[in-house]
Amino acid sequence: MKQEVFKALDYSNNIVISPDFDGLLSAAIINKYKPINISGIYTTNRLFMLDDIDPTQAVWVDHDIRDPRIVSIGCHAVYPEVKVNPLSFNPHRLYDQHPDKCFKGKSSNTRDKFPFSTSVLLAHVYEWFPEDVMSIMFLAHADSGYKVYNDYFGNVQAWSDVFYDDNLKKIKNTNPEPIYESLKSAGYKGTAYQKPSINVSGETNYINNIRNMSKFIDNHITMPDIKDIVSTIRFKNEMHKYSGKVESRAIVTGKQIGRAHV
């Protein structure tokens, strides 16, 4: 697993992230070990470019991208049969965990969807095992790791033969609720505070919410800069151009459905 992730990361020092807390924390973790530049933020219907590079020359982090020109690292449930860039990494593809064998519910004791976030994956790969409570809360919060660990413990155990480390022991016992007020103040929405609110006027305000969250993380783990928007690509009429769930019946025909799962 580690070797495959490092191959993807070696492709470029430029990254395109998700706007989620997990995307930002993933960038902070990578930045601890090599200098990176956040070149874009992809929301599945908009790509905000923060510089002028070709987006295919970046690693897309906390995304699973079906476009074979793009290298991505993500942990979403994807179909192993779908052709992607050979450098792209997803644990379901590596371990042949088909989505049709996922989402079996809390009572299942067999391997299901990979239970943790991209940031927890990257911390494992880099062997970053923080001791401070705030960093552990960040890992426990990303993609609701604390809740997933405790609600789907059978699945966590089923993955433990290939994925287990000291961080997971801490995530199990670290409720991230103490940071919720800070997440809310930074403009992240809902009861889980994983994504920036889209109910803002203008792209600049949306990016400012992401920048506020980045500053919150940066108080504890150094973040790359979130720069101003240089250009925006919208995918309203093309559905979701770069990433997508592919329905089982589409595997037979080879037709990809443009419904995003990032």
Protein backbone atom coordinates (compact mmCIF):
# COMPACT_ATOMS: atom_id res chain seq x y z
CA MET A 1 0.00 0.00 0.00
CA LYS A 2 2.68 2.53 0.99
CA GLN A 3 4.71 2.00 -2.16
CA GLU A 4 1.66 2.53 -4.38
CA VAL A 5 0.66 5.76 -2.60
CA PHE A 6 4.19 7.16 -2.81
CA LYS A 7 4.26 6.46 -6.56
CA ALA A 8 1.14 8.58 -6.96
CA LEU A 9 2.51 11.37 -4.76
CA ASP A 10 5.79 11.42 -6.69
CA TYR A 11 3.94 12.39 -9.88
CA SER A 12 3.80 16.07 -8.95
CA ASN A 13 4.28 18.62 -6.18
CA ASN A 14 1.06 20.31 -7.32
CA ILE A 15 -2.20 19.00 -5.93
CA VAL A 16 -5.92 19.48 -6.51
CA ILE A 17 -7.91 18.86 -3.34
CA SER A 18 -11.52 18.46 -2.31
CA PRO A 19 -13.06 21.34 -0.34
CA ASP A 20 -13.78 18.97 2.55
CA PHE A 21 -12.00 18.99 5.88
CA ASP A 22 -10.39 15.72 4.77
CA GLY A 23 -8.99 17.33 1.61
CA LEU A 24 -7.42 20.17 3.59
CA LEU A 25 -6.00 17.89 6.28
CA SER A 26 -4.60 15.61 3.58
CA ALA A 27 -2.76 18.59 2.10
CA ALA A 28 -1.34 19.49 5.51
CA ILE A 29 -0.06 15.95 6.06
CA ILE A 30 1.62 15.74 2.65
CA ASN A 31 3.12 19.19 3.24
CA LYS A 32 4.84 17.92 6.38
CA TYR A 33 6.97 15.61 4.25
CA LYS A 34 7.42 17.46 0.96
CA PRO A 35 6.68 21.02 -0.21
CA ILE A 36 3.48 21.13 -2.20
CA ASN A 37 1.33 23.69 -3.95
CA ILE A 38 -2.47 23.64 -3.89
CA SER A 39 -3.21 24.33 -7.55
CA GLY A 40 -6.93 23.70 -7.47
CA ILE A 41 -10.05 22.76 -5.53
CA TYR A 42 -12.55 20.42 -7.19
CA THR A 43 -16.14 20.29 -5.90
CA THR A 44 -17.40 17.76 -8.52
CA ASN A 45 -19.31 20.45 -10.43
CA ARG A 46 -16.69 23.20 -10.34
CA LEU A 47 -12.93 23.19 -10.60
CA PHE A 48 -11.40 26.28 -9.04
CA MET A 49 -7.88 26.72 -10.38
CA LEU A 50 -5.60 28.69 -8.06
CA ASP A 51 -2.77 28.91 -10.58
CA ASP A 52 -2.21 28.47 -14.31
CA ILE A 53 -0.95 24.88 -14.47
CA ASP A 54 -2.62 22.20 -16.56
CA PRO A 55 -4.83 20.33 -14.01
CA THR A 56 -3.66 17.01 -15.45
CA GLN A 57 -0.18 17.89 -14.14
CA ALA A 58 -1.35 17.75 -10.51
CA VAL A 59 -2.14 14.89 -8.13
CA TRP A 60 -5.84 15.02 -7.21
CA VAL A 61 -6.04 14.27 -3.48
CA ASP A 62 -9.18 13.03 -1.71
CA HIS A 63 -10.63 12.34 -5.14
CA ASP A 64 -11.08 9.26 -7.28
CA ILE A 65 -10.81 10.31 -10.90
CA ARG A 66 -11.80 8.16 -13.84
CA ASP A 67 -10.04 10.32 -16.45
CA PRO A 68 -6.87 8.32 -17.33
CA ARG A 69 -4.87 11.54 -17.76
CA ILE A 70 -5.22 12.35 -14.06
CA VAL A 71 -3.41 10.81 -11.08
CA SER A 72 -5.61 10.66 -8.00
CA ILE A 73 -5.55 9.36 -4.42
CA GLY A 74 -8.85 8.60 -2.72
CA CYS A 75 -10.74 6.13 -0.56
CA HIS A 76 -14.21 6.18 -2.10
CA ALA A 77 -15.92 2.97 -3.15
CA VAL A 78 -14.89 2.51 -6.79
CA TYR A 79 -15.26 -0.24 -9.32
CA PRO A 80 -11.89 -1.99 -9.80
CA GLU A 81 -12.79 -2.75 -13.42
CA VAL A 82 -12.87 0.91 -14.45
CA LYS A 83 -9.69 1.97 -16.24
CA VAL A 84 -7.86 4.84 -14.54
CA ASN A 85 -4.36 6.29 -14.58
CA PRO A 86 -2.01 3.44 -13.53
CA LEU A 87 -0.46 5.69 -10.86
CA SER A 88 -3.80 6.44 -9.20
CA PHE A 89 -4.39 4.85 -5.81
CA ASN A 90 -7.53 3.61 -4.14
CA PRO A 91 -7.58 0.80 -1.52
CA HIS A 92 -10.67 -0.82 -3.05
CA ARG A 93 -8.81 -1.23 -6.32
CA LEU A 94 -5.65 -2.54 -4.65
CA TYR A 95 -7.52 -5.11 -2.58
CA ASP A 96 -10.30 -5.84 -5.09
CA GLN A 97 -13.06 -4.66 -2.75
CA HIS A 98 -15.97 -4.29 -5.16
CA PRO A 99 -18.71 -1.74 -4.31
CA ASP A 100 -21.30 -4.48 -4.83
CA LYS A 101 -19.79 -6.11 -1.73
CA CYS A 102 -19.98 -2.90 0.30
CA PHE A 103 -22.56 -1.04 2.36
CA LYS A 104 -23.76 -4.11 4.23
CA GLY A 105 -24.58 -2.19 7.41
CA LYS A 106 -23.27 -1.91 10.95
CA SER A 107 -23.69 -5.57 11.86
CA SER A 108 -21.40 -6.90 9.13
CA ASN A 109 -18.11 -8.48 10.22
CA THR A 110 -16.71 -8.89 6.72
CA ARG A 111 -14.68 -6.36 4.73
CA ASP A 112 -16.83 -3.50 3.48
CA LYS A 113 -16.06 0.00 2.15
CA PHE A 114 -12.65 1.23 3.33
CA PRO A 115 -13.62 2.78 6.68
CA PHE A 116 -11.23 5.73 6.91
CA SER A 117 -10.40 9.04 5.30
CA THR A 118 -7.71 9.96 2.82
CA SER A 119 -5.92 11.90 5.58
CA VAL A 120 -5.84 8.82 7.84
CA LEU A 121 -4.49 6.84 4.88
CA LEU A 122 -1.76 9.44 4.28
CA ALA A 123 -0.83 9.58 7.97
CA HIS A 124 -0.42 5.80 7.84
CA VAL A 125 1.72 5.95 4.71
CA TYR A 126 4.00 8.66 6.13
CA GLU A 127 3.97 7.01 9.56
CA TRP A 128 2.77 10.23 11.16
CA PHE A 129 1.48 9.22 14.58
CA PRO A 130 0.86 12.48 16.47
CA GLU A 131 0.62 12.62 20.24
CA ASP A 132 -1.07 16.03 20.62
CA VAL A 133 -4.82 15.93 21.17
CA MET A 134 -5.70 18.45 18.44
CA SER A 135 -3.99 16.49 15.66
CA ILE A 136 -5.69 13.32 16.83
CA MET A 137 -9.04 15.14 16.85
CA PHE A 138 -8.40 16.24 13.27
CA LEU A 139 -7.85 12.62 12.20
CA ALA A 140 -10.88 11.51 14.21
CA HIS A 141 -13.03 14.19 12.58
CA ALA A 142 -12.01 13.65 8.94
CA ASP A 143 -14.82 11.75 7.20
CA SER A 144 -16.28 11.05 10.66
CA GLY A 145 -13.49 8.61 11.53
CA TYR A 146 -14.41 8.42 15.22
CA LYS A 147 -18.03 7.59 14.48
CA VAL A 148 -17.19 5.14 11.70
CA TYR A 149 -14.67 3.29 13.88
CA ASN A 150 -17.15 2.82 16.70
CA ASP A 151 -20.29 2.22 14.61
CA TYR A 152 -18.65 -0.12 12.06
CA PHE A 153 -16.08 -1.86 14.21
CA GLY A 154 -16.57 -5.17 12.40
CA ASN A 155 -15.46 -3.54 9.16
CA VAL A 156 -12.46 -1.91 10.86
CA GLN A 157 -11.40 -5.34 12.11
CA ALA A 158 -11.93 -6.87 8.67
CA TRP A 159 -9.47 -4.34 7.18
CA SER A 160 -6.96 -4.67 10.03
CA ASP A 161 -4.89 -7.35 8.27
CA VAL A 162 -3.80 -4.71 5.73
CA PHE A 163 -4.55 -1.44 7.52
CA TYR A 164 -4.05 -0.80 11.22
CA ASP A 165 -1.77 1.51 13.20
CA ASP A 166 -1.45 3.55 16.39
CA ASN A 167 -3.61 6.36 15.01
CA LEU A 168 -6.63 4.10 14.79
CA LYS A 169 -6.37 3.20 18.47
CA LYS A 170 -6.45 6.92 19.29
CA ILE A 171 -9.25 7.71 16.83
CA LYS A 172 -11.45 5.11 18.52
CA ASN A 173 -11.29 7.00 21.81
CA THR A 174 -11.16 10.63 20.60
CA ASN A 175 -14.50 12.35 20.11
CA PRO A 176 -13.89 15.40 17.88
CA GLU A 177 -16.93 17.36 19.09
CA PRO A 178 -14.75 19.92 20.98
CA ILE A 179 -13.61 21.36 17.62
CA TYR A 180 -17.10 21.63 16.11
CA GLU A 181 -17.62 25.25 17.15
CA SER A 182 -14.37 26.26 15.43
CA LEU A 183 -15.43 24.37 12.30
CA LYS A 184 -18.80 26.12 12.36
CA SER A 185 -17.11 29.51 12.78
CA ALA A 186 -14.93 28.75 9.76
CA GLY A 187 -18.04 28.34 7.61
CA TYR A 188 -18.35 24.55 7.57
CA LYS A 189 -21.91 23.32 7.64
CA GLY A 190 -24.23 20.67 9.05
CA THR A 191 -24.03 18.50 12.11
CA ALA A 192 -20.78 16.84 10.98
CA TYR A 193 -19.00 20.03 9.76
CA GLN A 194 -17.16 18.24 6.96
CA LYS A 195 -17.88 20.59 4.03
CA PRO A 196 -17.91 24.36 3.50
CA SER A 197 -21.33 25.92 3.18
CA ILE A 198 -22.42 26.48 -0.42
CA ASN A 199 -25.04 28.97 0.77
CA VAL A 200 -22.77 31.96 0.28
CA SER A 201 -22.82 34.69 -2.33
CA GLY A 202 -20.05 34.29 -4.84
CA GLU A 203 -17.07 32.06 -5.40
CA THR A 204 -14.78 34.36 -3.42
CA ASN A 205 -16.83 33.86 -0.25
CA TYR A 206 -16.86 30.10 -0.82
CA ILE A 207 -13.07 30.04 -1.16
CA ASN A 208 -12.80 32.28 1.91
CA ASN A 209 -14.66 29.63 3.95
CA ILE A 210 -12.14 27.05 2.76
CA ARG A 211 -9.31 29.48 3.55
CA ASN A 212 -10.71 30.02 7.07
CA MET A 213 -10.72 26.28 7.65
CA SER A 214 -7.19 26.10 6.29
CA LYS A 215 -6.10 28.76 8.79
CA PHE A 216 -7.69 26.78 11.63
CA ILE A 217 -5.73 23.69 10.62
CA ASP A 218 -2.61 25.80 10.08
CA ASN A 219 -2.66 26.81 13.75
CA HIS A 220 -1.67 23.23 14.50
CA ILE A 221 -0.27 21.71 11.28
CA THR A 222 1.37 23.88 8.61
CA MET A 223 -0.89 24.26 5.57
CA PRO A 224 0.07 25.23 2.02
CA ASP A 225 -1.51 28.54 1.00
CA ILE A 226 -5.03 28.71 -0.39
CA LYS A 227 -4.52 31.29 -3.10
CA ASP A 228 -7.14 33.36 -4.94
CA ILE A 229 -9.08 31.88 -7.85
CA VAL A 230 -7.38 32.28 -11.23
CA SER A 231 -10.08 30.52 -13.26
CA THR A 232 -13.20 28.39 -12.77
CA ILE A 233 -14.33 25.46 -14.88
CA ARG A 234 -18.01 24.56 -14.49
CA PHE A 235 -19.44 21.15 -15.35
CA LYS A 236 -23.18 21.81 -15.11
CA ASN A 237 -23.95 20.65 -18.65
CA GLU A 238 -21.33 17.90 -18.72
CA MET A 239 -22.39 16.46 -15.39
CA HIS A 240 -19.19 15.61 -13.52
CA LYS A 241 -16.48 15.45 -16.12
CA TYR A 242 -13.58 14.03 -14.18
CA SER A 243 -15.01 11.66 -11.59
CA GLY A 244 -17.96 9.38 -11.34
CA LYS A 245 -19.81 6.45 -9.97
CA VAL A 246 -20.09 3.75 -12.58
CA GLU A 247 -23.15 1.55 -12.30
CA SER A 248 -22.69 -2.21 -12.52
CA ARG A 249 -24.61 -2.51 -15.78
CA ALA A 250 -22.34 0.13 -17.32
CA ILE A 251 -19.29 -2.08 -16.83
CA VAL A 252 -20.63 -4.45 -19.47
CA THR A 253 -21.16 -1.74 -22.06
CA GLY A 254 -18.13 0.29 -21.08
CA LYS A 255 -20.30 3.37 -20.73
CA GLN A 256 -19.41 5.58 -17.77
CA ILE A 257 -22.14 7.40 -15.93
CA GLY A 258 -21.26 10.98 -14.99
CA ARG A 259 -22.47 10.84 -11.43
CA ALA A 260 -19.79 11.93 -8.95
CA HIS A 261 -18.90 10.01 -5.82
CA VAL A 262 -16.11 12.24 -4.54
